[in-house]
Amino acid sequence: MNQSLKHDPDALPNPVLPSWIFDHQTSDCLEDAAFSSGAALSLLHVLLSDPNSAVPDNLLRNRLALRAAVHNSKIEGRGVTEAELRDAHLLTMPGDAMGPDGDMLAFWRAGASISLRHSGFHDRMRDLLPEDMQEYLPDWMARAEDAGANPVAKSTSLLTDILQTFPRQEAIALLCADVILARSLGWDRPLPLFGLYVNRKTLRAASEGDDIGLACYNAVTHAAQDSVRLAHDLARRAARLRAVAPKLRSKGSDEAVQMFLSEDAVLPSTMLSPTIRGSSIPMTPRSARRFCERLIELGVVRELTGRATFRLYGVA
């Protein structure tokens, strides 16, 4: 994760968002759309690579995974909200089925966490696919990675390949496209970009073998610009949380703060208690609740549900 900023978080610069990329209408010209997508991806790449930006990478990926899960659930005909997806994923008892909504969020979170620097990333991807698709994955990936096209075009080609064989597996096709995009850009892990804006009409056209290049360039441009804005917003929020961390003197406070800097939503009863996830540090349920209440008092965390029980918390 990037290093924290050393100055006043309120003094963070505004995002550099050129109007000729970020405020234009959707392009009808393939060349203009390709250029805009490249420019938007370059800005996102620089932001993610700059340690001074202090973007909380894992938090960004998990927030984008949530948005992608909402979008893909709608593609499948289920109009769910972010809150409903969080509940389905986090409030299901271990061993119980999460249902299609919880499974969708779990799928995108797992996909966004794949380390592309690790030699076994193909195996991680294969594990996310149904058995009848697994045998095709090596050929799909090899054709996309060997293509001489630009990163978005490679991903578009892979997306089309998958949907022509398995037209109903839209989420898997979109995640695979995001993996190839991240690989082509040299990123450590995928960001859900194709998964955010490629719509049902485009996916249907891809399954029928139509050229979807223009639609994919435009979708990636919109997704990249949204990700840039979200990354800057999360960097501001994370900087405020880091700034108040020294005031928290409870045992395990550093590890608990790190949880908020990584997760879109924190469920204290399972993620902070009886031990803080990812550590061996114990925290009682009462201490976990008081810790979250203290962060709310400091204005750096908010309660996400409005409920009296089964509360979820995230950076404010």
Protein backbone atom coordinates (compact mmCIF):
# COMPACT_ATOMS: atom_id res chain seq x y z
CA MET A 1 0.00 0.00 0.00
CA ASN A 2 1.16 3.54 -0.69
CA GLN A 3 2.74 5.60 2.06
CA SER A 4 0.65 8.11 3.95
CA LEU A 5 0.86 11.83 3.30
CA LYS A 6 2.95 13.99 5.63
CA HIS A 7 0.92 17.18 5.35
CA ASP A 8 -2.57 18.42 6.08
CA PRO A 9 -5.02 16.05 4.36
CA ASP A 10 -7.32 18.99 3.62
CA ALA A 11 -4.51 20.44 1.48
CA LEU A 12 -4.55 17.50 -0.95
CA PRO A 13 -4.65 18.69 -4.57
CA ASN A 14 -7.78 18.33 -6.64
CA PRO A 15 -7.74 15.62 -9.32
CA VAL A 16 -6.22 16.68 -12.63
CA LEU A 17 -9.16 15.96 -14.92
CA PRO A 18 -8.71 17.54 -18.38
CA SER A 19 -12.04 18.65 -19.78
CA TRP A 20 -11.18 17.23 -23.21
CA ILE A 21 -11.22 13.75 -21.68
CA PHE A 22 -13.51 13.85 -18.70
CA ASP A 23 -16.29 16.20 -19.73
CA HIS A 24 -16.80 15.20 -23.36
CA GLN A 25 -19.79 13.33 -24.72
CA THR A 26 -19.44 9.66 -25.66
CA SER A 27 -17.38 9.47 -28.83
CA ASP A 28 -18.83 8.16 -32.08
CA CYS A 29 -15.39 7.88 -33.66
CA LEU A 30 -13.29 4.77 -32.99
CA GLU A 31 -9.99 6.65 -33.13
CA ASP A 32 -11.18 9.37 -30.75
CA ALA A 33 -12.62 6.79 -28.37
CA ALA A 34 -9.38 4.78 -28.37
CA PHE A 35 -7.35 7.94 -27.71
CA SER A 36 -9.62 9.02 -24.84
CA SER A 37 -9.48 5.59 -23.22
CA GLY A 38 -5.69 5.59 -23.42
CA ALA A 39 -5.48 9.06 -21.90
CA ALA A 40 -7.89 8.17 -19.07
CA LEU A 41 -6.05 4.93 -18.31
CA SER A 42 -2.74 6.80 -18.26
CA LEU A 43 -4.05 9.24 -15.66
CA LEU A 44 -5.31 6.34 -13.56
CA HIS A 45 -2.01 4.51 -13.92
CA VAL A 46 0.00 7.53 -12.79
CA LEU A 47 -2.30 8.06 -9.80
CA LEU A 48 -2.00 4.42 -8.70
CA SER A 49 1.78 4.43 -9.17
CA ASP A 50 2.51 7.69 -7.35
CA PRO A 51 3.31 7.05 -3.66
CA ASN A 52 2.53 10.69 -2.85
CA SER A 53 -1.09 10.17 -3.86
CA ALA A 54 -1.55 7.83 -0.86
CA VAL A 55 -4.44 6.00 -2.53
CA PRO A 56 -5.62 3.09 -0.32
CA ASP A 57 -5.32 0.48 -3.06
CA ASN A 58 -7.24 -2.36 -1.44
CA LEU A 59 -10.07 -0.06 -0.40
CA LEU A 60 -10.30 1.27 -3.96
CA ARG A 61 -10.46 -2.24 -5.42
CA ASN A 62 -13.08 -3.39 -2.95
CA ARG A 63 -15.21 -0.30 -3.57
CA LEU A 64 -14.99 -0.82 -7.34
CA ALA A 65 -15.77 -4.53 -6.87
CA LEU A 66 -18.96 -3.53 -5.05
CA ARG A 67 -19.96 -1.22 -7.90
CA ALA A 68 -19.17 -3.89 -10.48
CA ALA A 69 -21.28 -6.39 -8.56
CA VAL A 70 -24.24 -3.98 -8.61
CA HIS A 71 -23.80 -3.43 -12.36
CA ASN A 72 -23.49 -7.14 -13.15
CA SER A 73 -26.47 -8.05 -10.99
CA LYS A 74 -28.53 -5.62 -13.08
CA ILE A 75 -27.21 -7.25 -16.26
CA GLU A 76 -28.57 -10.53 -14.89
CA GLY A 77 -31.94 -8.88 -14.21
CA ARG A 78 -31.65 -8.20 -10.47
CA GLY A 79 -31.93 -4.55 -9.48
CA VAL A 80 -30.01 -4.58 -6.20
CA THR A 81 -28.39 -1.77 -4.24
CA GLU A 82 -24.91 -1.58 -2.75
CA ALA A 83 -26.44 -1.91 0.73
CA GLU A 84 -28.27 -5.11 -0.23
CA LEU A 85 -25.09 -6.61 -1.68
CA ARG A 86 -23.11 -5.73 1.44
CA ASP A 87 -25.72 -7.39 3.62
CA ALA A 88 -25.85 -10.54 1.49
CA HIS A 89 -22.08 -10.87 1.58
CA LEU A 90 -21.30 -9.90 5.18
CA LEU A 91 -24.34 -11.02 7.17
CA THR A 92 -24.55 -14.60 5.90
CA MET A 93 -23.56 -17.15 8.54
CA PRO A 94 -20.48 -19.26 7.73
CA GLY A 95 -21.52 -22.31 5.75
CA ASP A 96 -24.83 -20.82 4.62
CA ALA A 97 -25.50 -19.89 0.99
CA MET A 98 -25.12 -16.16 0.31
CA GLY A 99 -27.52 -16.25 -2.62
CA PRO A 100 -26.87 -14.78 -6.09
CA ASP A 101 -26.26 -11.25 -4.79
CA GLY A 102 -23.72 -12.23 -2.16
CA ASP A 103 -22.08 -14.62 -4.61
CA MET A 104 -21.77 -11.82 -7.18
CA LEU A 105 -19.97 -9.55 -4.73
CA ALA A 106 -17.74 -12.39 -3.55
CA PHE A 107 -16.87 -13.14 -7.20
CA TRP A 108 -15.79 -9.57 -7.99
CA ARG A 109 -13.89 -9.19 -4.72
CA ALA A 110 -12.02 -12.43 -5.41
CA GLY A 111 -11.27 -11.37 -8.97
CA ALA A 112 -9.96 -7.96 -7.92
CA SER A 113 -7.66 -9.59 -5.36
CA ILE A 114 -5.82 -11.86 -7.83
CA SER A 115 -2.08 -11.09 -7.78
CA LEU A 116 -0.97 -10.90 -11.40
CA ARG A 117 2.69 -10.97 -10.35
CA HIS A 118 2.23 -14.47 -8.94
CA SER A 119 2.94 -17.34 -11.31
CA GLY A 120 -0.24 -19.11 -10.25
CA PHE A 121 -2.67 -16.36 -11.21
CA HIS A 122 -4.10 -18.52 -14.00
CA ASP A 123 -5.05 -21.12 -11.39
CA ARG A 124 -6.75 -18.45 -9.26
CA MET A 125 -8.75 -17.38 -12.30
CA ARG A 126 -9.64 -20.95 -13.20
CA ASP A 127 -11.03 -21.52 -9.71
CA LEU A 128 -13.55 -18.71 -10.29
CA LEU A 129 -14.95 -20.35 -13.45
CA PRO A 130 -17.58 -23.09 -13.74
CA GLU A 131 -16.09 -26.48 -14.61
CA ASP A 132 -17.39 -26.42 -18.18
CA MET A 133 -15.44 -23.20 -18.88
CA GLN A 134 -12.14 -24.07 -17.22
CA GLU A 135 -10.65 -26.05 -20.12
CA TYR A 136 -11.08 -23.07 -22.46
CA LEU A 137 -9.33 -20.52 -20.24
CA PRO A 138 -5.68 -21.20 -21.28
CA ASP A 139 -6.46 -20.76 -24.97
CA TRP A 140 -8.55 -17.64 -24.38
CA MET A 141 -5.82 -16.05 -22.28
CA ALA A 142 -3.01 -17.06 -24.63
CA ARG A 143 -4.76 -15.58 -27.67
CA ALA A 144 -5.42 -12.34 -25.84
CA GLU A 145 -1.92 -12.01 -24.38
CA ASP A 146 -0.25 -12.80 -27.72
CA ALA A 147 -2.33 -10.30 -29.65
CA GLY A 148 -0.45 -7.25 -30.91
CA ALA A 149 -3.34 -4.89 -30.20
CA ASN A 150 -3.51 -2.22 -27.51
CA PRO A 151 -4.66 -3.22 -23.99
CA VAL A 152 -8.33 -2.33 -24.45
CA ALA A 153 -8.48 -4.07 -27.82
CA LYS A 154 -6.91 -7.21 -26.30
CA SER A 155 -9.51 -7.25 -23.58
CA THR A 156 -12.32 -6.66 -26.05
CA SER A 157 -11.12 -9.58 -28.14
CA LEU A 158 -11.09 -11.85 -25.09
CA LEU A 159 -14.54 -10.66 -24.04
CA THR A 160 -15.91 -11.53 -27.48
CA ASP A 161 -14.19 -14.92 -27.51
CA ILE A 162 -15.77 -15.95 -24.23
CA LEU A 163 -19.27 -14.68 -24.96
CA GLN A 164 -19.43 -16.34 -28.36
CA THR A 165 -18.91 -19.68 -26.62
CA PHE A 166 -20.75 -18.95 -23.35
CA PRO A 167 -23.19 -16.09 -24.03
CA ARG A 168 -24.77 -16.19 -20.55
CA GLN A 169 -21.50 -15.88 -18.60
CA GLU A 170 -21.29 -12.10 -18.75
CA ALA A 171 -19.67 -11.50 -15.35
CA ILE A 172 -16.92 -14.04 -15.99
CA ALA A 173 -16.22 -12.56 -19.43
CA LEU A 174 -16.00 -9.04 -18.00
CA LEU A 175 -13.68 -10.09 -15.19
CA CYS A 176 -11.38 -11.91 -17.61
CA ALA A 177 -11.30 -8.79 -19.78
CA ASP A 178 -10.28 -6.74 -16.72
CA VAL A 179 -7.53 -9.23 -15.91
CA ILE A 180 -6.04 -8.96 -19.40
CA LEU A 181 -6.32 -5.17 -19.25
CA ALA A 182 -4.44 -5.07 -15.94
CA ARG A 183 -1.80 -7.49 -17.24
CA SER A 184 -1.28 -5.40 -20.36
CA LEU A 185 -0.90 -2.23 -18.26
CA GLY A 186 1.55 -3.86 -15.85
CA TRP A 187 -0.71 -3.58 -12.79
CA ASP A 188 -0.28 -5.87 -9.79
CA ARG A 189 -4.00 -6.64 -9.54
CA PRO A 190 -7.08 -6.07 -11.71
CA LEU A 191 -9.38 -3.11 -11.27
CA PRO A 192 -13.01 -3.68 -12.29
CA LEU A 193 -13.26 -1.34 -15.30
CA PHE A 194 -14.90 -3.42 -18.03
CA GLY A 195 -17.10 -4.71 -15.23
CA LEU A 196 -18.36 -1.21 -14.41
CA TYR A 197 -19.76 0.13 -17.68
CA VAL A 198 -20.01 -2.48 -20.45
CA ASN A 199 -23.76 -2.90 -20.75
CA ARG A 200 -26.13 -5.72 -21.66
CA LYS A 201 -26.61 -4.47 -25.22
CA THR A 202 -22.86 -4.56 -25.86
CA LEU A 203 -22.53 -8.00 -24.31
CA ARG A 204 -25.34 -9.35 -26.47
CA ALA A 205 -23.67 -7.88 -29.56
CA ALA A 206 -20.39 -9.54 -28.56
CA SER A 207 -22.08 -12.94 -28.26
CA GLU A 208 -23.38 -12.51 -31.80
CA GLY A 209 -19.91 -11.71 -33.13
CA ASP A 210 -20.50 -8.00 -33.74
CA ASP A 211 -17.72 -5.42 -33.45
CA ILE A 212 -17.96 -3.91 -29.96
CA GLY A 213 -14.68 -1.98 -30.03
CA LEU A 214 -16.21 1.49 -29.90
CA ALA A 215 -18.54 0.61 -27.02
CA CYS A 216 -15.68 -0.92 -25.02
CA TYR A 217 -13.36 2.07 -25.53
CA ASN A 218 -16.11 4.39 -24.31
CA ALA A 219 -16.94 2.13 -21.35
CA VAL A 220 -13.30 1.97 -20.25
CA THR A 221 -12.96 5.76 -20.57
CA HIS A 222 -15.95 6.31 -18.27
CA ALA A 223 -14.78 3.63 -15.82
CA ALA A 224 -11.25 5.02 -15.66
CA GLN A 225 -12.44 8.57 -15.06
CA ASP A 226 -14.79 7.40 -12.31
CA SER A 227 -11.93 5.43 -10.76
CA VAL A 228 -9.66 8.48 -10.79
CA ARG A 229 -12.28 10.56 -8.98
CA LEU A 230 -12.99 7.76 -6.51
CA ALA A 231 -9.27 7.22 -5.87
CA HIS A 232 -8.77 10.90 -5.02
CA ASP A 233 -11.84 10.87 -2.78
CA LEU A 234 -10.68 7.77 -0.91
CA ALA A 235 -7.17 9.20 -0.56
CA ARG A 236 -8.66 12.24 1.22
CA ARG A 237 -10.78 10.10 3.51
CA ALA A 238 -7.90 7.74 4.26
CA ALA A 239 -5.58 10.65 5.06
CA ARG A 240 -8.04 11.94 7.65
CA LEU A 241 -8.27 8.49 9.23
CA ARG A 242 -4.48 8.16 9.33
CA ALA A 243 -4.22 11.62 10.88
CA VAL A 244 -6.36 10.68 13.90
CA ALA A 245 -4.83 7.21 14.34
CA PRO A 246 -2.28 8.42 16.97
CA LYS A 247 -5.21 9.45 19.20
CA LEU A 248 -6.43 5.86 19.37
CA ARG A 249 -4.68 4.16 22.25
CA SER A 250 -6.65 0.94 22.48
CA LYS A 251 -4.85 -2.33 21.91
CA GLY A 252 -4.91 -3.29 18.24
CA SER A 253 -5.95 0.16 17.06
CA ASP A 254 -3.32 0.22 14.30
CA GLU A 255 -4.51 -3.13 12.94
CA ALA A 256 -8.16 -2.07 13.20
CA VAL A 257 -7.46 1.18 11.33
CA GLN A 258 -5.76 -0.87 8.62
CA MET A 259 -8.97 -2.87 8.30
CA PHE A 260 -10.90 0.32 7.53
CA LEU A 261 -8.23 1.33 5.01
CA SER A 262 -8.71 -1.99 3.19
CA GLU A 263 -12.39 -2.87 3.40
CA ASP A 264 -15.41 -1.12 1.92
CA ALA A 265 -17.46 -2.16 4.95
CA VAL A 266 -16.42 -3.48 8.36
CA LEU A 267 -18.63 -5.77 10.45
CA PRO A 268 -17.19 -5.46 13.98
CA SER A 269 -18.57 -8.77 15.26
CA THR A 270 -16.59 -10.82 12.72
CA MET A 271 -13.84 -8.55 11.39
CA LEU A 272 -12.66 -6.93 14.62
CA SER A 273 -13.80 -9.49 17.21
CA PRO A 274 -12.89 -11.93 18.70
CA THR A 275 -9.61 -11.17 16.93
CA ILE A 276 -8.84 -8.49 14.40
CA ARG A 277 -8.87 -10.15 11.00
CA GLY A 278 -5.39 -10.68 9.62
CA SER A 279 -3.79 -10.55 13.07
CA SER A 280 -3.71 -12.46 16.35
CA ILE A 281 -4.76 -9.44 18.40
CA PRO A 282 -7.92 -10.05 20.47
CA MET A 283 -10.73 -7.52 20.74
CA THR A 284 -13.94 -8.06 22.68
CA PRO A 285 -17.30 -7.31 21.00
CA ARG A 286 -17.78 -4.36 23.37
CA SER A 287 -14.32 -2.96 22.57
CA ALA A 288 -14.99 -3.35 18.83
CA ARG A 289 -18.25 -1.40 19.10
CA ARG A 290 -16.64 1.32 21.22
CA PHE A 291 -13.74 1.56 18.77
CA CYS A 292 -16.13 2.15 15.86
CA GLU A 293 -18.12 4.69 17.89
CA ARG A 294 -14.90 6.55 18.69
CA LEU A 295 -14.02 6.73 14.99
CA ILE A 296 -17.49 8.14 14.29
CA GLU A 297 -16.98 10.78 17.00
CA LEU A 298 -13.72 11.76 15.29
CA GLY A 299 -15.55 12.11 11.97
CA VAL A 300 -13.45 9.60 10.04
CA VAL A 301 -15.88 6.64 9.93
CA ARG A 302 -19.62 6.44 9.34
CA GLU A 303 -22.28 3.81 9.98
CA LEU A 304 -23.52 2.51 6.64
CA THR A 305 -26.88 0.88 7.38
CA GLY A 306 -28.94 3.09 9.71
CA ARG A 307 -29.84 -0.03 11.69
CA ALA A 308 -29.71 -0.47 15.45
CA THR A 309 -28.16 -3.92 15.08
CA PHE A 310 -25.92 -5.69 12.53
CA ARG A 311 -24.25 -2.39 11.80
CA LEU A 312 -21.61 -1.92 9.13
CA TYR A 313 -18.96 0.82 9.15
CA GLY A 314 -16.81 2.45 6.49
CA VAL A 315 -14.51 5.42 6.03
CA ALA A 316 -16.34 8.76 6.10
